[in-house]
């Protein structure tokens, strides 16, 4: 086994041995699938026709709160408790330690996201009847793929921030209001939308069919994959920042 593989195996032992991991992932599933059922019901009862693909993604936007919390806790808890010193004694290479933690964080989030997203899609579409979106069309596949990438990258972005600030409390105190309170509302205010639409939580809206380019009220100035590309840049910046902080600061 390579050195990185051994470090990743150690991180895997940590993530699966912590009681909060299954609790958070189960909460993500309950919120995503359960709320998806409720939202789809409101879509089915609505007099006007709405984008059927959006029904499941509304619930996943709320569910991603749980994924963000999981990623921040796993990435930053060792700094808050001081146990990072023990981890660095076992893995002296800080770059390898950081890479292993981010790798395991990404894999766990990606695995949970794809399962819950697909389950939410089928749950939501089952309530829409004739309005349901066909599963095998490219528009559906694109939305699901983009939504999965969005959930995974946004969680990695949060994990990188947690390592930069070296505190789960500080990271969550900064990220949750900015990503899910301020930008969700402020992103649709005309005066600041030109800037707010590029915040990390906003750039996946188009690919998830929660808005469309050119919409007079909620539109964005970019297409679905341009938005995902912006999120890639945000995530890369957070990971580079976390790596620099990891290498330059004392444990």
Protein backbone atom coordinates (compact mmCIF):
# COMPACT_ATOMS: atom_id res chain seq x y z
CA UNK A 1 0.00 0.00 0.00
CA UNK A 2 1.28 3.47 -0.89
CA UNK A 3 1.93 6.10 1.78
CA UNK A 4 -1.14 8.07 0.68
CA UNK A 5 -3.23 4.90 0.66
CA UNK A 6 -2.16 4.09 4.21
CA UNK A 7 -2.99 7.62 5.36
CA UNK A 8 -6.36 7.44 3.63
CA UNK A 9 -7.06 4.08 5.27
CA UNK A 10 -6.39 5.67 8.66
CA UNK A 11 -8.80 8.51 7.85
CA UNK A 12 -11.40 5.96 6.77
CA UNK A 13 -11.10 4.23 10.15
CA UNK A 14 -11.69 7.61 11.82
CA UNK A 15 -14.75 8.53 9.77
CA UNK A 16 -16.52 5.20 10.16
CA UNK A 17 -15.75 4.91 13.88
CA UNK A 18 -17.29 8.27 14.78
CA UNK A 19 -20.92 7.93 15.88
CA UNK A 20 -21.93 11.21 14.25
CA UNK A 21 -21.09 9.97 10.73
CA UNK A 22 -24.04 7.57 10.25
CA UNK A 23 -26.33 9.96 12.12
CA UNK A 24 -25.51 12.87 9.80
CA UNK A 25 -25.68 10.81 6.63
CA UNK A 26 -29.01 9.34 7.74
CA UNK A 27 -30.28 12.86 8.48
CA UNK A 28 -29.22 13.93 5.00
CA UNK A 29 -31.21 11.04 3.52
CA UNK A 30 -34.30 11.78 5.61
CA UNK A 31 -34.28 15.47 4.72
CA UNK A 32 -33.59 14.88 1.03
CA UNK A 33 -36.08 12.09 0.40
CA UNK A 34 -38.72 13.22 2.91
CA UNK A 35 -38.83 16.83 1.88
CA UNK A 36 -38.59 15.79 -1.76
CA UNK A 37 -41.83 13.85 -1.30
CA UNK A 38 -43.51 16.91 0.22
CA UNK A 39 -42.29 19.37 -2.41
CA UNK A 40 -43.25 17.05 -5.26
CA UNK A 41 -46.73 16.81 -3.77
CA UNK A 42 -47.06 20.58 -3.88
CA UNK A 43 -45.86 20.55 -7.49
CA UNK A 44 -48.43 17.89 -8.37
CA UNK A 45 -51.24 19.91 -6.78
CA UNK A 46 -50.22 23.21 -8.36
CA UNK A 47 -52.49 24.58 -11.02
CA UNK A 48 -49.65 25.73 -13.26
CA UNK A 49 -47.05 23.37 -14.66
CA UNK A 50 -43.61 23.58 -13.07
CA UNK A 51 -40.23 22.09 -13.91
CA UNK A 52 -40.53 18.54 -12.59
CA UNK A 53 -36.76 18.17 -12.18
CA UNK A 54 -36.72 21.00 -9.64
CA UNK A 55 -38.99 19.09 -7.23
CA UNK A 56 -36.23 16.92 -5.77
CA UNK A 57 -33.48 19.53 -5.80
CA UNK A 58 -35.33 21.89 -3.47
CA UNK A 59 -35.02 19.31 -0.72
CA UNK A 60 -31.38 18.58 -1.52
CA UNK A 61 -30.54 22.27 -1.03
CA UNK A 62 -31.69 21.94 2.56
CA UNK A 63 -30.09 18.52 2.91
CA UNK A 64 -26.72 19.90 1.89
CA UNK A 65 -26.69 21.76 5.23
CA UNK A 66 -26.11 18.36 6.82
CA UNK A 67 -23.36 17.43 4.37
CA UNK A 68 -21.59 20.73 4.99
CA UNK A 69 -21.77 20.13 8.73
CA UNK A 70 -20.38 16.62 8.31
CA UNK A 71 -17.49 17.79 6.11
CA UNK A 72 -16.57 20.63 8.45
CA UNK A 73 -16.73 18.42 11.52
CA UNK A 74 -14.60 15.67 10.03
CA UNK A 75 -12.03 18.07 8.58
CA UNK A 76 -11.80 20.44 11.52
CA UNK A 77 -12.58 18.45 14.68
CA UNK A 78 -8.99 17.30 15.20
CA UNK A 79 -7.81 20.90 15.28
CA UNK A 80 -10.46 21.87 17.82
CA UNK A 81 -9.63 18.96 20.14
CA UNK A 82 -5.86 18.99 19.62
CA UNK A 83 -5.79 15.37 18.47
CA UNK A 84 -4.27 16.53 15.19
CA UNK A 85 -0.89 16.27 16.96
CA UNK A 86 -1.37 12.52 17.30
CA UNK A 87 -2.40 12.23 13.65
CA UNK A 88 0.66 14.18 12.51
CA UNK A 89 2.89 11.98 14.64
CA UNK A 90 1.52 8.99 12.70
CA UNK A 91 1.59 10.81 9.33
CA UNK A 92 4.46 13.35 9.53
CA UNK A 93 3.91 14.59 5.98
CA UNK A 94 1.33 17.35 6.38
CA UNK A 95 0.57 17.42 2.68
CA UNK A 96 -0.15 13.69 2.70
CA UNK A 97 -2.28 14.01 5.84
CA UNK A 98 -4.32 16.82 4.29
CA UNK A 99 -4.72 14.98 0.98
CA UNK A 100 -5.88 11.81 2.74
CA UNK A 101 -8.45 13.69 4.84
CA UNK A 102 -9.85 15.54 1.83
CA UNK A 103 -9.91 12.33 -0.23
CA UNK A 104 -11.92 10.45 2.39
CA UNK A 105 -14.22 13.43 2.95
CA UNK A 106 -14.91 13.66 -0.78
CA UNK A 107 -15.50 9.94 -1.21
CA UNK A 108 -17.92 9.69 1.72
CA UNK A 109 -19.87 12.75 0.60
CA UNK A 110 -19.91 11.62 -3.04
CA UNK A 111 -21.18 8.18 -2.08
CA UNK A 112 -23.91 9.54 0.17
CA UNK A 113 -24.88 12.23 -2.34
CA UNK A 114 -25.36 9.89 -5.30
CA UNK A 115 -27.50 7.46 -3.30
CA UNK A 116 -29.70 10.12 -1.71
CA UNK A 117 -30.01 12.15 -4.89
CA UNK A 118 -31.21 9.19 -6.95
CA UNK A 119 -33.59 8.11 -4.18
CA UNK A 120 -34.94 11.65 -3.92
CA UNK A 121 -35.40 11.87 -7.68
CA UNK A 122 -37.47 8.70 -7.90
CA UNK A 123 -39.44 9.59 -4.77
CA UNK A 124 -40.28 13.03 -6.10
CA UNK A 125 -41.09 11.87 -9.62
CA UNK A 126 -43.36 9.13 -8.32
CA UNK A 127 -45.69 11.82 -6.98
CA UNK A 128 -45.81 13.84 -10.18
CA UNK A 129 -47.64 11.27 -12.29
CA UNK A 130 -47.85 12.43 -15.89
CA UNK A 131 -45.66 15.42 -15.07
CA UNK A 132 -42.74 13.20 -14.06
CA UNK A 133 -39.42 13.70 -15.84
CA UNK A 134 -38.14 10.70 -17.83
CA UNK A 135 -35.06 9.19 -16.21
CA UNK A 136 -33.09 8.31 -19.32
CA UNK A 137 -33.24 11.66 -21.11
CA UNK A 138 -30.05 13.74 -21.22
CA UNK A 139 -31.72 16.68 -19.47
CA UNK A 140 -32.43 14.47 -16.45
CA UNK A 141 -29.00 12.83 -16.47
CA UNK A 142 -27.33 16.25 -16.76
CA UNK A 143 -29.30 17.61 -13.79
CA UNK A 144 -28.53 14.59 -11.62
CA UNK A 145 -24.85 14.59 -12.56
CA UNK A 146 -24.54 18.32 -11.99
CA UNK A 147 -26.40 18.14 -8.69
CA UNK A 148 -24.13 15.34 -7.48
CA UNK A 149 -21.02 17.32 -8.43
CA UNK A 150 -22.44 20.39 -6.72
CA UNK A 151 -23.11 18.57 -3.43
CA UNK A 152 -19.66 16.95 -3.45
CA UNK A 153 -17.64 20.02 -4.36
CA UNK A 154 -19.48 22.32 -1.97
CA UNK A 155 -18.73 19.92 0.88
CA UNK A 156 -15.04 19.82 -0.08
CA UNK A 157 -15.04 23.61 -0.24
CA UNK A 158 -16.38 23.67 3.33
CA UNK A 159 -13.78 21.11 4.45
CA UNK A 160 -10.99 23.25 3.02
CA UNK A 161 -12.31 26.30 4.86
CA UNK A 162 -12.48 24.29 8.11
CA UNK A 163 -8.78 23.43 7.82
CA UNK A 164 -7.92 27.06 7.06
CA UNK A 165 -9.67 28.39 10.18
CA UNK A 166 -8.77 25.28 12.25
CA UNK A 167 -12.10 25.27 14.07
CA UNK A 168 -15.43 23.58 13.41
CA UNK A 169 -17.34 26.25 15.34
CA UNK A 170 -15.77 29.14 13.46
CA UNK A 171 -16.12 27.40 10.10
CA UNK A 172 -19.81 26.62 10.61
CA UNK A 173 -20.47 30.08 12.04
CA UNK A 174 -19.06 31.61 8.87
CA UNK A 175 -20.23 29.12 6.25
CA UNK A 176 -23.82 28.43 7.22
CA UNK A 177 -24.99 32.07 7.28
CA UNK A 178 -23.07 33.01 4.16
CA UNK A 179 -23.91 29.96 2.07
CA UNK A 180 -27.44 29.19 3.17
CA UNK A 181 -28.99 32.26 4.78
CA UNK A 182 -27.54 35.34 3.16
CA UNK A 183 -26.82 34.18 -0.37
CA UNK A 184 -30.03 32.16 -0.80
CA UNK A 185 -32.04 35.33 -0.23
CA UNK A 186 -29.59 38.00 -1.34
CA UNK A 187 -28.76 36.10 -4.51
CA UNK A 188 -32.13 37.13 -5.91
CA UNK A 189 -31.99 40.82 -4.93
CA UNK A 190 -31.49 42.86 -8.08
CA UNK A 191 -29.00 45.29 -6.54
CA UNK A 192 -26.49 42.65 -5.47
CA UNK A 193 -27.38 39.68 -7.68
CA UNK A 194 -24.52 40.45 -10.13
CA UNK A 195 -22.07 39.56 -7.33
CA UNK A 196 -24.09 37.16 -5.14
CA UNK A 197 -24.91 34.85 -8.06
CA UNK A 198 -21.26 33.77 -8.13
CA UNK A 199 -21.14 32.60 -4.50
CA UNK A 200 -20.42 28.86 -4.11
CA UNK A 201 -23.96 27.79 -3.19
CA UNK A 202 -25.51 29.74 -6.06
CA UNK A 203 -23.54 28.44 -9.02
CA UNK A 204 -25.22 25.03 -9.14
CA UNK A 205 -28.74 26.46 -9.40
CA UNK A 206 -28.92 26.35 -13.19
CA UNK A 207 -27.80 22.74 -13.66
CA UNK A 208 -30.27 21.67 -10.95
CA UNK A 209 -33.15 23.43 -12.74
CA UNK A 210 -33.79 25.79 -9.82
CA UNK A 211 -33.38 28.73 -12.15
CA UNK A 212 -32.59 29.37 -15.80
CA UNK A 213 -30.34 31.93 -17.48
CA UNK A 214 -32.26 35.03 -18.43
CA UNK A 215 -35.09 34.61 -15.94
CA UNK A 216 -36.07 38.19 -14.94
CA UNK A 217 -36.36 37.34 -11.22
CA UNK A 218 -34.02 34.43 -10.48
CA UNK A 219 -31.87 34.16 -13.60
CA UNK A 220 -28.11 33.75 -13.70
CA UNK A 221 -25.57 35.10 -16.16
CA UNK A 222 -24.08 31.67 -16.87
CA UNK A 223 -25.17 28.26 -18.06
CA UNK A 224 -25.29 24.96 -16.16
CA UNK A 225 -21.72 23.81 -16.68
CA UNK A 226 -20.24 27.29 -16.48
CA UNK A 227 -21.74 27.38 -12.99
CA UNK A 228 -20.15 24.06 -12.09
CA UNK A 229 -16.85 25.35 -13.45
CA UNK A 230 -17.08 28.34 -11.09
CA UNK A 231 -17.67 25.95 -8.19
CA UNK A 232 -14.58 23.98 -9.22
CA UNK A 233 -12.57 27.19 -8.88
CA UNK A 234 -14.07 27.97 -5.47
CA UNK A 235 -13.30 24.44 -4.27
CA UNK A 236 -9.77 24.48 -5.64
CA UNK A 237 -9.11 27.80 -3.91
CA UNK A 238 -10.38 26.45 -0.56
CA UNK A 239 -8.32 23.27 -0.86
CA UNK A 240 -5.16 25.18 -1.77
CA UNK A 241 -5.80 27.53 1.15
CA UNK A 242 -6.28 24.58 3.49
CA UNK A 243 -3.09 22.94 2.23
CA UNK A 244 -1.08 26.14 2.74
CA UNK A 245 -2.50 26.62 6.24
CA UNK A 246 -1.75 22.99 7.06
CA UNK A 247 1.89 23.31 6.01
CA UNK A 248 2.66 26.69 7.54
CA UNK A 249 0.91 26.66 10.91
CA UNK A 250 1.88 24.80 14.04
CA UNK A 251 -0.32 21.89 15.07
